[in-house]
Amino acid sequence: MQSKNYSDTIISLDFKEDKTISKDNNQPLLNRNIKSKEVRLIDNDGNNHGVVPTQKALLMAEDKGLDLIVVSPNQEPPVAKILDYGKYKYEIEKRAKESKKKQHTVEIKEVKVRYKIDVHDYNVKINSIKKFIAGGNKVKLVVMLRGREMQHNHLAYDLANRFLTDLEGEKLTVEKKPSMDGRNVVTILAP
C-alpha cells in the first residue's frame, strides 16, 4: 500500500467558528461538519498520527473509504478517528443496551390499608410486603384515614408500628418511620 503525500492538496473549508460539538448532542461530528482547524488523529488501525490539519485528516479518511468522526470533542484539539460511521453507531447502541440490561431500577410498591383491618387481610398485606422486599423493591405502607377517623390517628400509628414489629425478622431497613402525610400515616421500607 502506497502512502500519499497530502501536503500539496488543499481543500477550502470555512473556519469562522471553532465548534466541535454538533447541534444534536446525541450525534458526533463527522466529515465536513468538523469545524476545528486541527484534530488529534487516530486511524482505523488504532495508530496515533498526532495533531493533523482537518483537511489532511478528511483526505485520509476519504482515501480509505471511511468517515472522520470526532470521538472526544472536549479536548484541545478534538480527538478524531477514522471509522465506518454505521459500524461505530451500531457498537455504541449495543453497549448502551448492555448497560441498560445490567441496571436494576428500584420501584416503590405501595401497600394501602385502613386501620380497621381484619386478621386475614393483615396477613395478606404482610406477605405482599415480604414479597416486594425480597424482589429488591422499596415498599410504601400507607394507612388511610377518612373523615372522623383523623381524630383517632393514634390507631393508624399503632397499626404501622405493628407492621414494623411483625417484619423485624426480615432483611429490611426503615427509611421513613410512621408519620402523618395529609390524611395518611406513611412508612417507607427498603430492602
N, C-alpha and C. Protein backbone atom coordinates (compact mmCIF):
# COMPACT_ATOMS: atom_id res chain seq x y z
N MET A 1 0.84 -1.18 0.00
CA MET A 1 0.00 0.00 0.00
C MET A 1 0.89 1.24 0.00
N GLN A 2 0.62 2.15 -0.93
CA GLN A 2 1.43 3.35 -1.03
C GLN A 2 0.90 4.42 -0.09
N SER A 3 1.84 5.19 0.43
CA SER A 3 1.41 6.32 1.25
C SER A 3 1.34 7.55 0.36
N LYS A 4 0.34 8.38 0.58
CA LYS A 4 0.14 9.55 -0.25
C LYS A 4 0.65 10.79 0.47
N ASN A 5 1.08 11.73 -0.32
CA ASN A 5 1.54 12.99 0.23
C ASN A 5 0.35 13.96 0.20
N TYR A 6 -0.08 14.39 1.37
CA TYR A 6 -1.26 15.25 1.47
C TYR A 6 -0.91 16.72 1.60
N SER A 7 0.34 17.05 1.63
CA SER A 7 0.73 18.42 1.89
C SER A 7 0.43 19.35 0.71
N ASP A 8 0.42 18.83 -0.54
CA ASP A 8 0.18 19.70 -1.68
C ASP A 8 -1.30 19.79 -2.07
N THR A 9 -2.17 18.98 -1.46
CA THR A 9 -3.59 19.01 -1.75
C THR A 9 -4.27 19.93 -0.76
N ILE A 10 -5.09 20.85 -1.27
CA ILE A 10 -5.75 21.81 -0.39
C ILE A 10 -7.25 21.74 -0.62
N ILE A 11 -7.97 21.70 0.48
CA ILE A 11 -9.43 21.75 0.43
C ILE A 11 -9.84 23.03 1.14
N SER A 12 -10.70 23.81 0.53
CA SER A 12 -11.11 25.05 1.18
C SER A 12 -12.25 24.77 2.13
N LEU A 13 -12.02 25.07 3.38
CA LEU A 13 -13.04 24.94 4.42
C LEU A 13 -13.20 26.29 5.10
N ASP A 14 -14.40 26.60 5.50
CA ASP A 14 -14.65 27.87 6.18
C ASP A 14 -14.50 27.64 7.68
N PHE A 15 -13.53 28.30 8.32
CA PHE A 15 -13.26 28.12 9.74
C PHE A 15 -13.61 29.38 10.52
N LYS A 16 -14.81 29.90 10.35
CA LYS A 16 -15.21 31.10 11.08
C LYS A 16 -15.44 30.79 12.55
N GLU A 17 -16.07 29.64 12.83
CA GLU A 17 -16.37 29.26 14.21
C GLU A 17 -15.59 28.00 14.53
N ASP A 18 -15.11 27.90 15.75
CA ASP A 18 -14.40 26.70 16.19
C ASP A 18 -15.31 25.86 17.07
N LYS A 19 -16.35 25.28 16.47
CA LYS A 19 -17.29 24.46 17.22
C LYS A 19 -16.95 23.00 16.99
N THR A 20 -16.89 22.24 18.06
CA THR A 20 -16.60 20.82 17.94
C THR A 20 -17.75 19.96 18.44
N ILE A 21 -18.84 20.60 18.85
CA ILE A 21 -19.99 19.85 19.34
C ILE A 21 -21.12 20.06 18.35
N SER A 22 -21.74 18.98 17.92
CA SER A 22 -22.82 19.10 16.95
C SER A 22 -24.06 19.67 17.62
N LYS A 23 -24.97 20.20 16.80
CA LYS A 23 -26.20 20.77 17.33
C LYS A 23 -27.04 19.69 17.99
N ASP A 24 -27.04 18.50 17.43
CA ASP A 24 -27.73 17.37 18.02
C ASP A 24 -26.73 16.66 18.92
N ASN A 25 -26.85 16.82 20.24
CA ASN A 25 -25.86 16.31 21.18
C ASN A 25 -25.71 14.81 21.14
N ASN A 26 -26.68 14.08 20.61
CA ASN A 26 -26.58 12.63 20.56
C ASN A 26 -25.74 12.15 19.39
N GLN A 27 -25.46 13.01 18.45
CA GLN A 27 -24.77 12.60 17.24
C GLN A 27 -23.39 13.27 17.19
N PRO A 28 -22.33 12.48 17.00
CA PRO A 28 -20.99 13.08 16.94
C PRO A 28 -20.78 13.82 15.62
N LEU A 29 -19.85 14.76 15.64
CA LEU A 29 -19.50 15.47 14.41
C LEU A 29 -18.74 14.52 13.50
N LEU A 30 -19.03 14.60 12.21
CA LEU A 30 -18.28 13.76 11.30
C LEU A 30 -18.04 14.47 9.98
N ASN A 31 -16.99 14.05 9.30
CA ASN A 31 -16.57 14.53 7.99
C ASN A 31 -16.55 16.05 7.89
N ARG A 32 -17.30 16.64 7.00
CA ARG A 32 -17.21 18.09 6.72
C ARG A 32 -17.90 18.95 7.79
N ASN A 33 -18.57 18.36 8.75
CA ASN A 33 -19.19 19.12 9.83
C ASN A 33 -18.19 19.50 10.92
N ILE A 34 -17.00 18.96 10.87
CA ILE A 34 -15.97 19.27 11.86
C ILE A 34 -15.43 20.65 11.55
N LYS A 35 -15.57 21.57 12.50
CA LYS A 35 -15.23 22.97 12.25
C LYS A 35 -13.87 23.39 12.82
N SER A 36 -13.22 22.53 13.58
CA SER A 36 -11.92 22.93 14.14
C SER A 36 -10.84 22.82 13.06
N LYS A 37 -9.79 23.62 13.20
CA LYS A 37 -8.73 23.66 12.19
C LYS A 37 -7.84 22.43 12.24
N GLU A 38 -7.65 21.90 13.46
CA GLU A 38 -6.78 20.74 13.63
C GLU A 38 -7.49 19.70 14.49
N VAL A 39 -7.12 18.45 14.29
CA VAL A 39 -7.64 17.36 15.11
C VAL A 39 -6.49 16.44 15.50
N ARG A 40 -6.65 15.77 16.62
CA ARG A 40 -5.70 14.73 17.00
C ARG A 40 -6.22 13.46 16.35
N LEU A 41 -5.49 12.91 15.38
CA LEU A 41 -6.00 11.86 14.51
C LEU A 41 -5.55 10.47 14.93
N ILE A 42 -6.54 9.56 14.96
CA ILE A 42 -6.29 8.14 15.17
C ILE A 42 -6.91 7.42 13.99
N ASP A 43 -6.11 6.62 13.28
CA ASP A 43 -6.65 5.97 12.08
C ASP A 43 -7.42 4.69 12.44
N ASN A 44 -7.93 4.02 11.40
CA ASN A 44 -8.77 2.84 11.63
C ASN A 44 -8.00 1.66 12.19
N ASP A 45 -6.68 1.67 12.13
CA ASP A 45 -5.87 0.60 12.71
C ASP A 45 -5.48 0.91 14.16
N GLY A 46 -5.82 2.10 14.65
CA GLY A 46 -5.51 2.48 16.02
C GLY A 46 -4.21 3.25 16.15
N ASN A 47 -3.56 3.58 15.02
CA ASN A 47 -2.30 4.32 15.06
C ASN A 47 -2.57 5.81 15.30
N ASN A 48 -1.80 6.40 16.20
CA ASN A 48 -1.94 7.82 16.51
C ASN A 48 -1.06 8.62 15.56
N HIS A 49 -1.67 9.56 14.81
CA HIS A 49 -0.93 10.39 13.87
C HIS A 49 -0.62 11.77 14.45
N GLY A 50 -1.00 12.00 15.70
CA GLY A 50 -0.75 13.28 16.34
C GLY A 50 -1.71 14.35 15.86
N VAL A 51 -1.31 15.60 16.03
CA VAL A 51 -2.15 16.73 15.62
C VAL A 51 -1.96 16.93 14.12
N VAL A 52 -3.09 16.88 13.40
CA VAL A 52 -3.09 16.94 11.95
C VAL A 52 -4.13 17.99 11.52
N PRO A 53 -3.87 18.76 10.45
CA PRO A 53 -4.91 19.66 9.94
C PRO A 53 -6.15 18.85 9.53
N THR A 54 -7.31 19.42 9.77
CA THR A 54 -8.55 18.71 9.49
C THR A 54 -8.66 18.34 8.01
N GLN A 55 -8.15 19.20 7.13
CA GLN A 55 -8.20 18.91 5.68
C GLN A 55 -7.47 17.61 5.37
N LYS A 56 -6.29 17.48 5.92
CA LYS A 56 -5.47 16.29 5.67
C LYS A 56 -6.15 15.05 6.24
N ALA A 57 -6.74 15.16 7.41
CA ALA A 57 -7.44 14.04 8.03
C ALA A 57 -8.64 13.62 7.18
N LEU A 58 -9.37 14.59 6.64
CA LEU A 58 -10.51 14.28 5.77
C LEU A 58 -10.07 13.53 4.52
N LEU A 59 -8.97 13.98 3.93
CA LEU A 59 -8.45 13.29 2.74
C LEU A 59 -8.05 11.85 3.05
N MET A 60 -7.40 11.65 4.20
CA MET A 60 -7.00 10.29 4.59
C MET A 60 -8.23 9.40 4.76
N ALA A 61 -9.27 9.95 5.37
CA ALA A 61 -10.50 9.17 5.58
C ALA A 61 -11.17 8.85 4.25
N GLU A 62 -11.22 9.82 3.35
CA GLU A 62 -11.84 9.59 2.04
C GLU A 62 -11.07 8.56 1.23
N ASP A 63 -9.74 8.58 1.33
CA ASP A 63 -8.93 7.61 0.60
C ASP A 63 -9.19 6.18 1.06
N LYS A 64 -9.49 6.03 2.35
CA LYS A 64 -9.76 4.70 2.90
C LYS A 64 -11.23 4.33 2.76
N GLY A 65 -12.06 5.26 2.29
CA GLY A 65 -13.48 4.99 2.12
C GLY A 65 -14.24 4.95 3.45
N LEU A 66 -13.72 5.67 4.45
CA LEU A 66 -14.33 5.69 5.78
C LEU A 66 -14.68 7.12 6.16
N ASP A 67 -15.19 7.28 7.38
CA ASP A 67 -15.61 8.59 7.87
C ASP A 67 -14.63 9.09 8.93
N LEU A 68 -14.55 10.42 9.04
CA LEU A 68 -13.77 11.05 10.10
C LEU A 68 -14.77 11.47 11.18
N ILE A 69 -14.63 10.89 12.38
CA ILE A 69 -15.60 11.11 13.46
C ILE A 69 -14.88 11.69 14.66
N VAL A 70 -15.45 12.78 15.23
CA VAL A 70 -14.91 13.36 16.47
C VAL A 70 -15.43 12.52 17.63
N VAL A 71 -14.52 11.83 18.33
CA VAL A 71 -14.93 10.97 19.44
C VAL A 71 -14.78 11.65 20.79
N SER A 72 -13.92 12.67 20.86
CA SER A 72 -13.74 13.40 22.11
C SER A 72 -13.67 14.90 21.80
N PRO A 73 -14.85 15.56 21.74
CA PRO A 73 -14.87 16.96 21.33
C PRO A 73 -14.37 17.94 22.38
N ASN A 74 -14.28 17.53 23.64
CA ASN A 74 -13.91 18.45 24.70
C ASN A 74 -12.40 18.64 24.84
N GLN A 75 -11.62 17.89 24.10
CA GLN A 75 -10.16 18.02 24.15
C GLN A 75 -9.72 19.19 23.28
N GLU A 76 -8.49 19.62 23.47
CA GLU A 76 -7.95 20.69 22.65
C GLU A 76 -6.66 20.21 22.00
N PRO A 77 -6.54 19.93 20.75
CA PRO A 77 -7.59 19.88 19.74
C PRO A 77 -8.46 18.62 19.91
N PRO A 78 -9.64 18.60 19.32
CA PRO A 78 -10.53 17.44 19.48
C PRO A 78 -9.92 16.17 18.89
N VAL A 79 -10.27 15.03 19.50
CA VAL A 79 -9.76 13.75 19.04
C VAL A 79 -10.71 13.21 17.99
N ALA A 80 -10.17 12.85 16.82
CA ALA A 80 -10.98 12.32 15.73
C ALA A 80 -10.43 10.96 15.31
N LYS A 81 -11.33 10.07 14.93
CA LYS A 81 -10.94 8.74 14.47
C LYS A 81 -11.45 8.52 13.06
N ILE A 82 -10.71 7.71 12.33
CA ILE A 82 -11.16 7.30 11.01
C ILE A 82 -11.87 5.96 11.20
N LEU A 83 -13.18 5.96 11.01
CA LEU A 83 -14.01 4.78 11.26
C LEU A 83 -15.12 4.68 10.24
N ASP A 84 -15.79 3.54 10.22
CA ASP A 84 -17.04 3.38 9.48
C ASP A 84 -18.15 3.85 10.42
N TYR A 85 -18.84 4.93 10.07
CA TYR A 85 -19.81 5.54 10.98
C TYR A 85 -20.96 4.59 11.32
N GLY A 86 -21.44 3.83 10.37
CA GLY A 86 -22.54 2.89 10.63
C GLY A 86 -22.15 1.85 11.66
N LYS A 87 -20.94 1.33 11.54
CA LYS A 87 -20.44 0.34 12.49
C LYS A 87 -20.24 0.96 13.88
N TYR A 88 -19.72 2.18 13.91
CA TYR A 88 -19.48 2.91 15.16
C TYR A 88 -20.80 3.14 15.89
N LYS A 89 -21.81 3.58 15.16
CA LYS A 89 -23.11 3.86 15.76
C LYS A 89 -23.74 2.58 16.29
N TYR A 90 -23.61 1.48 15.55
CA TYR A 90 -24.15 0.20 15.98
C TYR A 90 -23.49 -0.26 17.28
N GLU A 91 -22.17 -0.13 17.39
CA GLU A 91 -21.46 -0.55 18.59
C GLU A 91 -21.85 0.29 19.80
N ILE A 92 -22.06 1.60 19.61
CA ILE A 92 -22.49 2.46 20.72
C ILE A 92 -23.87 2.05 21.21
N GLU A 93 -24.79 1.79 20.27
CA GLU A 93 -26.15 1.36 20.65
C GLU A 93 -26.11 0.01 21.36
N LYS A 94 -25.25 -0.87 20.90
CA LYS A 94 -25.12 -2.20 21.52
C LYS A 94 -24.62 -2.08 22.96
N ARG A 95 -23.61 -1.22 23.17
CA ARG A 95 -23.09 -1.01 24.53
C ARG A 95 -24.15 -0.39 25.44
N ALA A 96 -24.94 0.53 24.90
CA ALA A 96 -25.99 1.17 25.70
C ALA A 96 -27.05 0.14 26.12
N LYS A 97 -27.41 -0.77 25.21
CA LYS A 97 -28.38 -1.81 25.55
C LYS A 97 -27.84 -2.74 26.62
N GLU A 98 -26.56 -3.11 26.52
CA GLU A 98 -25.94 -3.99 27.51
C GLU A 98 -25.93 -3.35 28.89
N SER A 99 -25.57 -2.07 28.95
CA SER A 99 -25.54 -1.42 30.26
C SER A 99 -26.94 -1.25 30.83
N LYS A 100 -27.93 -1.09 29.95
CA LYS A 100 -29.31 -0.96 30.41
C LYS A 100 -29.82 -2.28 30.97
N LYS A 101 -29.39 -3.40 30.38
CA LYS A 101 -29.80 -4.72 30.87
C LYS A 101 -29.29 -4.97 32.28
N LYS A 102 -28.09 -4.49 32.56
CA LYS A 102 -27.46 -4.76 33.85
C LYS A 102 -28.01 -3.89 34.97
N GLN A 103 -28.72 -2.81 34.61
CA GLN A 103 -29.28 -1.93 35.63
C GLN A 103 -30.53 -2.55 36.23
N HIS A 104 -30.72 -2.32 37.52
CA HIS A 104 -31.95 -2.73 38.19
C HIS A 104 -32.56 -1.49 38.81
N THR A 105 -33.71 -1.09 38.28
CA THR A 105 -34.37 0.09 38.83
C THR A 105 -35.20 -0.34 40.03
N VAL A 106 -35.05 0.40 41.10
CA VAL A 106 -35.79 0.11 42.32
C VAL A 106 -37.14 0.82 42.25
N GLU A 107 -38.18 0.04 42.31
CA GLU A 107 -39.52 0.60 42.27
C GLU A 107 -40.06 0.74 43.69
N ILE A 108 -40.96 1.68 43.86
CA ILE A 108 -41.63 1.82 45.15
C ILE A 108 -43.01 1.20 45.00
N LYS A 109 -43.22 0.10 45.71
CA LYS A 109 -44.52 -0.56 45.71
C LYS A 109 -45.33 0.02 46.86
N GLU A 110 -46.59 0.27 46.61
CA GLU A 110 -47.43 0.89 47.63
C GLU A 110 -48.43 -0.13 48.17
N VAL A 111 -48.50 -0.24 49.49
CA VAL A 111 -49.46 -1.12 50.16
C VAL A 111 -50.38 -0.21 50.98
N LYS A 112 -51.66 -0.19 50.58
CA LYS A 112 -52.62 0.67 51.28
C LYS A 112 -53.52 -0.17 52.17
N VAL A 113 -53.72 0.30 53.40
CA VAL A 113 -54.61 -0.38 54.34
C VAL A 113 -55.40 0.69 55.11
N ARG A 114 -56.50 0.25 55.71
CA ARG A 114 -57.24 1.10 56.65
C ARG A 114 -56.90 0.60 58.05
N TYR A 115 -57.09 1.42 59.06
CA TYR A 115 -56.70 0.95 60.39
C TYR A 115 -57.68 -0.08 60.93
N LYS A 116 -58.88 -0.21 60.34
CA LYS A 116 -59.81 -1.28 60.71
C LYS A 116 -59.59 -2.44 59.74
N ILE A 117 -58.56 -3.24 59.98
CA ILE A 117 -58.21 -4.33 59.06
C ILE A 117 -58.39 -5.66 59.77
N ASP A 118 -58.89 -6.65 59.03
CA ASP A 118 -59.12 -7.97 59.59
C ASP A 118 -57.80 -8.75 59.61
N VAL A 119 -57.76 -9.84 60.37
CA VAL A 119 -56.53 -10.63 60.56
C VAL A 119 -56.06 -11.22 59.23
N HIS A 120 -56.96 -11.79 58.46
CA HIS A 120 -56.56 -12.42 57.19
C HIS A 120 -56.02 -11.37 56.22
N ASP A 121 -56.70 -10.24 56.12
CA ASP A 121 -56.24 -9.16 55.24
C ASP A 121 -54.86 -8.65 55.68
N TYR A 122 -54.69 -8.56 56.99
CA TYR A 122 -53.41 -8.12 57.55
C TYR A 122 -52.29 -9.08 57.13
N ASN A 123 -52.56 -10.40 57.23
CA ASN A 123 -51.55 -11.40 56.85
C ASN A 123 -51.22 -11.34 55.37
N VAL A 124 -52.24 -11.10 54.54
CA VAL A 124 -52.01 -10.97 53.09
C VAL A 124 -51.10 -9.77 52.81
N LYS A 125 -51.35 -8.67 53.49
CA LYS A 125 -50.52 -7.46 53.29
C LYS A 125 -49.09 -7.70 53.77
N ILE A 126 -48.93 -8.41 54.89
CA ILE A 126 -47.58 -8.75 55.39
C ILE A 126 -46.84 -9.59 54.35
N ASN A 127 -47.51 -10.59 53.79
CA ASN A 127 -46.88 -11.46 52.79
C ASN A 127 -46.51 -10.68 51.52
N SER A 128 -47.37 -9.75 51.10
CA SER A 128 -47.05 -8.98 49.91
C SER A 128 -45.85 -8.05 50.17
N ILE A 129 -45.76 -7.50 51.37
CA ILE A 129 -44.60 -6.66 51.71
C ILE A 129 -43.33 -7.50 51.68
N LYS A 130 -43.39 -8.71 52.24
CA LYS A 130 -42.21 -9.60 52.22
C LYS A 130 -41.80 -9.92 50.78
N LYS A 131 -42.78 -10.16 49.91
CA LYS A 131 -42.51 -10.49 48.52
C LYS A 131 -41.85 -9.30 47.80
N PHE A 132 -42.36 -8.10 48.05
CA PHE A 132 -41.79 -6.91 47.41
C PHE A 132 -40.36 -6.67 47.88
N ILE A 133 -40.13 -6.81 49.18
CA ILE A 133 -38.78 -6.61 49.73
C ILE A 133 -37.82 -7.65 49.17
N ALA A 134 -38.28 -8.91 49.07
CA ALA A 134 -37.43 -9.98 48.52
C ALA A 134 -37.10 -9.70 47.05
N GLY A 135 -38.01 -9.03 46.34
CA GLY A 135 -37.78 -8.68 44.94
C GLY A 135 -36.86 -7.48 44.76
N GLY A 136 -36.42 -6.86 45.85
CA GLY A 136 -35.49 -5.73 45.77
C GLY A 136 -36.17 -4.39 45.62
N ASN A 137 -37.48 -4.32 45.89
CA ASN A 137 -38.21 -3.06 45.76
C ASN A 137 -38.46 -2.41 47.11
N LYS A 138 -38.61 -1.10 47.07
CA LYS A 138 -39.00 -0.39 48.28
C LYS A 138 -40.50 -0.53 48.46
N VAL A 139 -40.98 -0.39 49.69
CA VAL A 139 -42.40 -0.51 49.97
C VAL A 139 -42.85 0.74 50.73
N LYS A 140 -43.93 1.32 50.24
CA LYS A 140 -44.53 2.46 50.92
C LYS A 140 -45.83 1.96 51.55
N LEU A 141 -45.85 1.88 52.87
CA LEU A 141 -47.01 1.43 53.61
C LEU A 141 -47.85 2.65 53.97
N VAL A 142 -49.10 2.66 53.50
CA VAL A 142 -49.99 3.79 53.72
C VAL A 142 -51.20 3.31 54.52
N VAL A 143 -51.39 3.89 55.69
CA VAL A 143 -52.58 3.62 56.50
C VAL A 143 -53.51 4.82 56.28
N MET A 144 -54.63 4.57 55.58
CA MET A 144 -55.53 5.65 55.19
C MET A 144 -56.53 5.97 56.30
N LEU A 145 -56.81 7.24 56.44
CA LEU A 145 -57.80 7.71 57.41
C LEU A 145 -58.83 8.56 56.65
N ARG A 146 -60.12 8.39 57.01
CA ARG A 146 -61.17 9.17 56.37
C ARG A 146 -62.04 9.86 57.41
N GLY A 147 -62.44 11.06 57.08
CA GLY A 147 -63.40 11.78 57.91
C GLY A 147 -63.02 11.87 59.38
N ARG A 148 -63.92 11.35 60.24
CA ARG A 148 -63.69 11.42 61.70
C ARG A 148 -62.56 10.52 62.17
N GLU A 149 -62.12 9.61 61.32
CA GLU A 149 -61.01 8.73 61.70
C GLU A 149 -59.74 9.54 61.99
N MET A 150 -59.67 10.76 61.47
CA MET A 150 -58.50 11.61 61.72
C MET A 150 -58.32 11.89 63.21
N GLN A 151 -59.42 11.86 63.97
CA GLN A 151 -59.33 12.10 65.41
C GLN A 151 -58.64 10.94 66.12
N HIS A 152 -58.63 9.77 65.47
CA HIS A 152 -58.04 8.57 66.07
C HIS A 152 -56.78 8.15 65.30
N ASN A 153 -55.95 9.11 64.93
CA ASN A 153 -54.76 8.77 64.16
C ASN A 153 -53.77 7.93 64.96
N HIS A 154 -53.90 7.91 66.27
CA HIS A 154 -53.01 7.05 67.08
C HIS A 154 -53.25 5.58 66.75
N LEU A 155 -54.47 5.20 66.32
CA LEU A 155 -54.74 3.82 65.91
C LEU A 155 -53.98 3.49 64.61
N ALA A 156 -53.89 4.47 63.71
CA ALA A 156 -53.13 4.26 62.47
C ALA A 156 -51.64 4.11 62.78
N TYR A 157 -51.12 4.92 63.70
CA TYR A 157 -49.72 4.79 64.12
C TYR A 157 -49.47 3.42 64.74
N ASP A 158 -50.41 2.95 65.57
CA ASP A 158 -50.28 1.64 66.20
C ASP A 158 -50.22 0.53 65.15
N LEU A 159 -51.08 0.64 64.11
CA LEU A 159 -51.08 -0.37 63.05
C LEU A 159 -49.76 -0.36 62.28
N ALA A 160 -49.27 0.83 61.95
CA ALA A 160 -47.99 0.93 61.22
C ALA A 160 -46.85 0.35 62.05
N ASN A 161 -46.84 0.62 63.34
CA ASN A 161 -45.81 0.06 64.22
C ASN A 161 -45.96 -1.45 64.36
N ARG A 162 -47.21 -1.94 64.31
CA ARG A 162 -47.44 -3.39 64.36
C ARG A 162 -46.87 -4.07 63.13
N PHE A 163 -47.02 -3.44 61.96
CA PHE A 163 -46.40 -3.95 60.73
C PHE A 163 -44.89 -4.03 60.92
N LEU A 164 -44.30 -2.98 61.47
CA LEU A 164 -42.84 -2.95 61.65
C LEU A 164 -42.36 -4.04 62.61
N THR A 165 -43.11 -4.28 63.70
CA THR A 165 -42.68 -5.31 64.66
C THR A 165 -42.85 -6.70 64.06
N ASP A 166 -43.89 -6.91 63.24
CA ASP A 166 -44.08 -8.23 62.62
C ASP A 166 -43.07 -8.50 61.51
N LEU A 167 -42.47 -7.44 60.97
CA LEU A 167 -41.47 -7.60 59.90
C LEU A 167 -40.04 -7.52 60.42
N GLU A 168 -39.84 -7.54 61.74
CA GLU A 168 -38.50 -7.41 62.31
C GLU A 168 -37.54 -8.51 61.87
N GLY A 169 -38.01 -9.72 61.63
CA GLY A 169 -37.14 -10.83 61.24
C GLY A 169 -36.66 -10.74 59.80
N GLU A 170 -37.28 -9.90 59.01
CA GLU A 170 -36.92 -9.76 57.58
C GLU A 170 -35.70 -8.86 57.43
N LYS A 171 -35.02 -9.01 56.29
CA LYS A 171 -33.87 -8.16 55.99
C LYS A 171 -34.37 -6.89 55.32
N LEU A 172 -34.68 -5.90 56.14
CA LEU A 172 -35.15 -4.63 55.61
C LEU A 172 -34.75 -3.49 56.52
N THR A 173 -34.76 -2.31 55.97
CA THR A 173 -34.47 -1.11 56.76
C THR A 173 -35.66 -0.16 56.66
N VAL A 174 -35.89 0.55 57.73
CA VAL A 174 -36.98 1.52 57.75
C VAL A 174 -36.40 2.86 57.32
N GLU A 175 -36.74 3.30 56.11
CA GLU A 175 -36.23 4.59 55.61
C GLU A 175 -36.97 5.75 56.22
N LYS A 176 -38.27 5.56 56.42
CA LYS A 176 -39.07 6.63 57.00
C LYS A 176 -39.99 6.02 58.03
N LYS A 177 -39.85 6.47 59.25
CA LYS A 177 -40.70 5.97 60.33
C LYS A 177 -42.13 6.47 60.12
N PRO A 178 -43.12 5.84 60.76
CA PRO A 178 -44.50 6.26 60.56
C PRO A 178 -44.69 7.75 60.87
N SER A 179 -45.27 8.45 59.90
CA SER A 179 -45.53 9.88 60.08
C SER A 179 -46.76 10.27 59.28
N MET A 180 -47.39 11.36 59.69
CA MET A 180 -48.59 11.84 59.01
C MET A 180 -48.20 12.51 57.70
N ASP A 181 -48.94 12.17 56.65
CA ASP A 181 -48.76 12.79 55.34
C ASP A 181 -50.16 13.10 54.83
N GLY A 182 -50.66 14.27 55.15
CA GLY A 182 -52.04 14.61 54.82
C GLY A 182 -53.00 13.84 55.69
N ARG A 183 -53.85 13.00 55.08
CA ARG A 183 -54.81 12.19 55.82
C ARG A 183 -54.30 10.76 56.02
N ASN A 184 -53.04 10.50 55.72
CA ASN A 184 -52.49 9.15 55.78
C ASN A 184 -51.30 9.09 56.73
N VAL A 185 -51.08 7.91 57.28
CA VAL A 185 -49.86 7.63 58.03
C VAL A 185 -48.99 6.79 57.11
N VAL A 186 -47.78 7.30 56.83
CA VAL A 186 -46.91 6.71 55.80
C VAL A 186 -45.63 6.21 56.42
N THR A 187 -45.20 5.00 55.97
CA THR A 187 -43.92 4.41 56.34
C THR A 187 -43.26 3.90 55.08
N ILE A 188 -41.95 4.10 54.95
CA ILE A 188 -41.23 3.59 53.78
C ILE A 188 -40.19 2.58 54.25
N LEU A 189 -40.25 1.39 53.62
CA LEU A 189 -39.33 0.28 53.94
C LEU A 189 -38.46 0.01 52.71
N ALA A 190 -37.21 -0.33 52.95
CA ALA A 190 -36.28 -0.65 51.85
C ALA A 190 -35.61 -1.97 52.13
N PRO A 191 -35.19 -2.69 51.07
CA PRO A 191 -34.52 -3.99 51.28
C PRO A 191 -33.14 -3.82 51.92
